[in-house]
Amino acid sequence: LGAYARRHNRYPETARVHIFIQMIIQMEAASFHRVATERKTQRLLKRLHSTPLQIGQSIAVEMVPFDFLWQEMLALLGNRFRGTKRNK
């Protein structure tokens, strides 16, 4: 996803796509832990809310608005870390 975002989402009309992909990357970096994901994506979520949807730009049309989709994705996450064990 990171390579795709760097290669294809450099244009103003794809700003929301780029922000949403960055949020998904941060979700993985947080090991799919809901609270950590919310903390790591707080700034990106504010940017997503403040970036207008480009109506009429076929490449950037969101079939399901990213704001709604993000909330649904967070609802699916648990509060436990997945992946590597953390040292205590």
C-alpha atoms as a PDB file:
ATOM      1  CA  LEU A   1       0.000   0.000   0.000  1.00  0.00           C
ATOM      2  CA  GLY A   2       2.797   2.397   0.806  1.00  0.00           C
ATOM      3  CA  ALA A   3       4.409   1.984  -2.609  1.00  0.00           C
ATOM      4  CA  TYR A   4       1.041   2.424  -4.316  1.00  0.00           C
ATOM      5  CA  ALA A   5       0.326   5.585  -2.329  1.00  0.00           C
ATOM      6  CA  ARG A   6       3.704   7.098  -3.196  1.00  0.00           C
ATOM      7  CA  ARG A   7       3.406   6.195  -6.864  1.00  0.00           C
ATOM      8  CA  HIS A   8      -0.217   6.989  -7.692  1.00  0.00           C
ATOM      9  CA  ASN A   9      -1.745   9.369  -5.166  1.00  0.00           C
ATOM     10  CA  ARG A  10       0.239  12.562  -5.553  1.00  0.00           C
ATOM     11  CA  TYR A  11      -2.519  14.695  -7.007  1.00  0.00           C
ATOM     12  CA  PRO A  12      -4.976  16.999  -5.217  1.00  0.00           C
ATOM     13  CA  GLU A  13      -7.985  15.097  -6.560  1.00  0.00           C
ATOM     14  CA  THR A  14      -6.729  11.902  -4.894  1.00  0.00           C
ATOM     15  CA  ALA A  15      -5.895  13.480  -1.524  1.00  0.00           C
ATOM     16  CA  ARG A  16      -8.615  11.569   0.344  1.00  0.00           C
ATOM     17  CA  VAL A  17      -7.460   8.269  -1.157  1.00  0.00           C
ATOM     18  CA  HIS A  18      -3.889   9.006  -0.053  1.00  0.00           C
ATOM     19  CA  ILE A  19      -4.974   9.911   3.489  1.00  0.00           C
ATOM     20  CA  PHE A  20      -7.131   6.783   3.782  1.00  0.00           C
ATOM     21  CA  ILE A  21      -4.277   4.535   2.611  1.00  0.00           C
ATOM     22  CA  GLN A  22      -1.974   6.173   5.169  1.00  0.00           C
ATOM     23  CA  MET A  23      -4.568   5.392   7.856  1.00  0.00           C
ATOM     24  CA  ILE A  24      -4.618   1.721   6.833  1.00  0.00           C
ATOM     25  CA  ILE A  25      -0.805   1.636   6.957  1.00  0.00           C
ATOM     26  CA  GLN A  26      -0.934   3.072  10.484  1.00  0.00           C
ATOM     27  CA  MET A  27      -3.513   0.440  11.450  1.00  0.00           C
ATOM     28  CA  GLU A  28      -1.014  -2.254  10.512  1.00  0.00           C
ATOM     29  CA  ALA A  29       1.780  -0.412  12.353  1.00  0.00           C
ATOM     30  CA  ALA A  30      -0.440  -0.480  15.459  1.00  0.00           C
ATOM     31  CA  SER A  31      -0.755  -4.276  15.106  1.00  0.00           C
ATOM     32  CA  PHE A  32      -4.501  -3.886  14.474  1.00  0.00           C
ATOM     33  CA  HIS A  33      -5.040  -2.725  18.064  1.00  0.00           C
ATOM     34  CA  ARG A  34      -8.015  -0.388  18.109  1.00  0.00           C
ATOM     35  CA  VAL A  35      -6.862   2.118  20.728  1.00  0.00           C
ATOM     36  CA  ALA A  36      -3.358   2.336  19.261  1.00  0.00           C
ATOM     37  CA  THR A  37      -4.804   2.733  15.765  1.00  0.00           C
ATOM     38  CA  GLU A  38      -7.080   5.548  16.899  1.00  0.00           C
ATOM     39  CA  ARG A  39      -4.130   7.282  18.570  1.00  0.00           C
ATOM     40  CA  LYS A  40      -1.843   6.901  15.529  1.00  0.00           C
ATOM     41  CA  THR A  41      -4.486   8.047  13.028  1.00  0.00           C
ATOM     42  CA  GLN A  42      -6.020  10.937  14.958  1.00  0.00           C
ATOM     43  CA  ARG A  43      -4.186  13.583  12.898  1.00  0.00           C
ATOM     44  CA  LEU A  44      -4.927  11.776   9.618  1.00  0.00           C
ATOM     45  CA  LEU A  45      -8.617  11.480  10.490  1.00  0.00           C
ATOM     46  CA  LYS A  46      -8.799  15.249  11.047  1.00  0.00           C
ATOM     47  CA  ARG A  47      -7.177  15.758   7.639  1.00  0.00           C
ATOM     48  CA  LEU A  48      -9.662  13.353   6.046  1.00  0.00           C
ATOM     49  CA  HIS A  49     -12.600  15.265   7.561  1.00  0.00           C
ATOM     50  CA  SER A  50     -11.212  18.609   6.385  1.00  0.00           C
ATOM     51  CA  THR A  51     -10.451  17.427   2.824  1.00  0.00           C
ATOM     52  CA  PRO A  52     -13.497  17.822   0.589  1.00  0.00           C
ATOM     53  CA  LEU A  53     -14.709  15.012  -1.630  1.00  0.00           C
ATOM     54  CA  GLN A  54     -13.994  15.871  -5.268  1.00  0.00           C
ATOM     55  CA  ILE A  55     -17.375  15.287  -6.910  1.00  0.00           C
ATOM     56  CA  GLY A  56     -17.082  14.691 -10.632  1.00  0.00           C
ATOM     57  CA  GLN A  57     -13.561  13.290 -10.496  1.00  0.00           C
ATOM     58  CA  SER A  58     -14.139   9.657 -11.434  1.00  0.00           C
ATOM     59  CA  ILE A  59     -10.826   8.499  -9.951  1.00  0.00           C
ATOM     60  CA  ALA A  60     -11.628   9.917  -6.517  1.00  0.00           C
ATOM     61  CA  VAL A  61     -15.313   9.071  -6.173  1.00  0.00           C
ATOM     62  CA  GLU A  62     -15.920   7.089  -3.025  1.00  0.00           C
ATOM     63  CA  MET A  63     -18.623   4.475  -3.369  1.00  0.00           C
ATOM     64  CA  VAL A  64     -18.629   4.215   0.418  1.00  0.00           C
ATOM     65  CA  PRO A  65     -17.383   7.438   2.067  1.00  0.00           C
ATOM     66  CA  PHE A  66     -14.011   6.873   3.710  1.00  0.00           C
ATOM     67  CA  ASP A  67     -15.243   8.503   6.936  1.00  0.00           C
ATOM     68  CA  PHE A  68     -17.964   5.863   7.295  1.00  0.00           C
ATOM     69  CA  LEU A  69     -15.720   3.030   6.110  1.00  0.00           C
ATOM     70  CA  TRP A  70     -13.050   3.953   8.661  1.00  0.00           C
ATOM     71  CA  GLN A  71     -15.538   3.786  11.546  1.00  0.00           C
ATOM     72  CA  GLU A  72     -16.696   0.356  10.354  1.00  0.00           C
ATOM     73  CA  MET A  73     -13.098  -0.871  10.141  1.00  0.00           C
ATOM     74  CA  LEU A  74     -12.358   0.354  13.679  1.00  0.00           C
ATOM     75  CA  ALA A  75     -15.467  -1.415  14.964  1.00  0.00           C
ATOM     76  CA  LEU A  76     -14.046  -4.699  13.695  1.00  0.00           C
ATOM     77  CA  LEU A  77     -10.793  -4.286  15.624  1.00  0.00           C
ATOM     78  CA  GLY A  78     -10.365  -5.652  19.099  1.00  0.00           C
ATOM     79  CA  ASN A  79      -8.280  -4.182  21.895  1.00  0.00           C
ATOM     80  CA  ARG A  80      -5.657  -6.908  21.899  1.00  0.00           C
ATOM     81  CA  PHE A  81      -2.341  -6.760  20.078  1.00  0.00           C
ATOM     82  CA  ARG A  82      -1.851  -9.191  17.240  1.00  0.00           C
ATOM     83  CA  GLY A  83       1.487 -10.226  15.827  1.00  0.00           C
ATOM     84  CA  THR A  84       4.691 -10.036  17.835  1.00  0.00           C
ATOM     85  CA  LYS A  85       4.609 -10.148  21.613  1.00  0.00           C
ATOM     86  CA  ARG A  86       5.492  -6.954  23.386  1.00  0.00           C
ATOM     87  CA  ASN A  87       8.185  -6.931  26.054  1.00  0.00           C
ATOM     88  CA  LYS A  88       6.975  -5.880  29.463  1.00  0.00           C
END
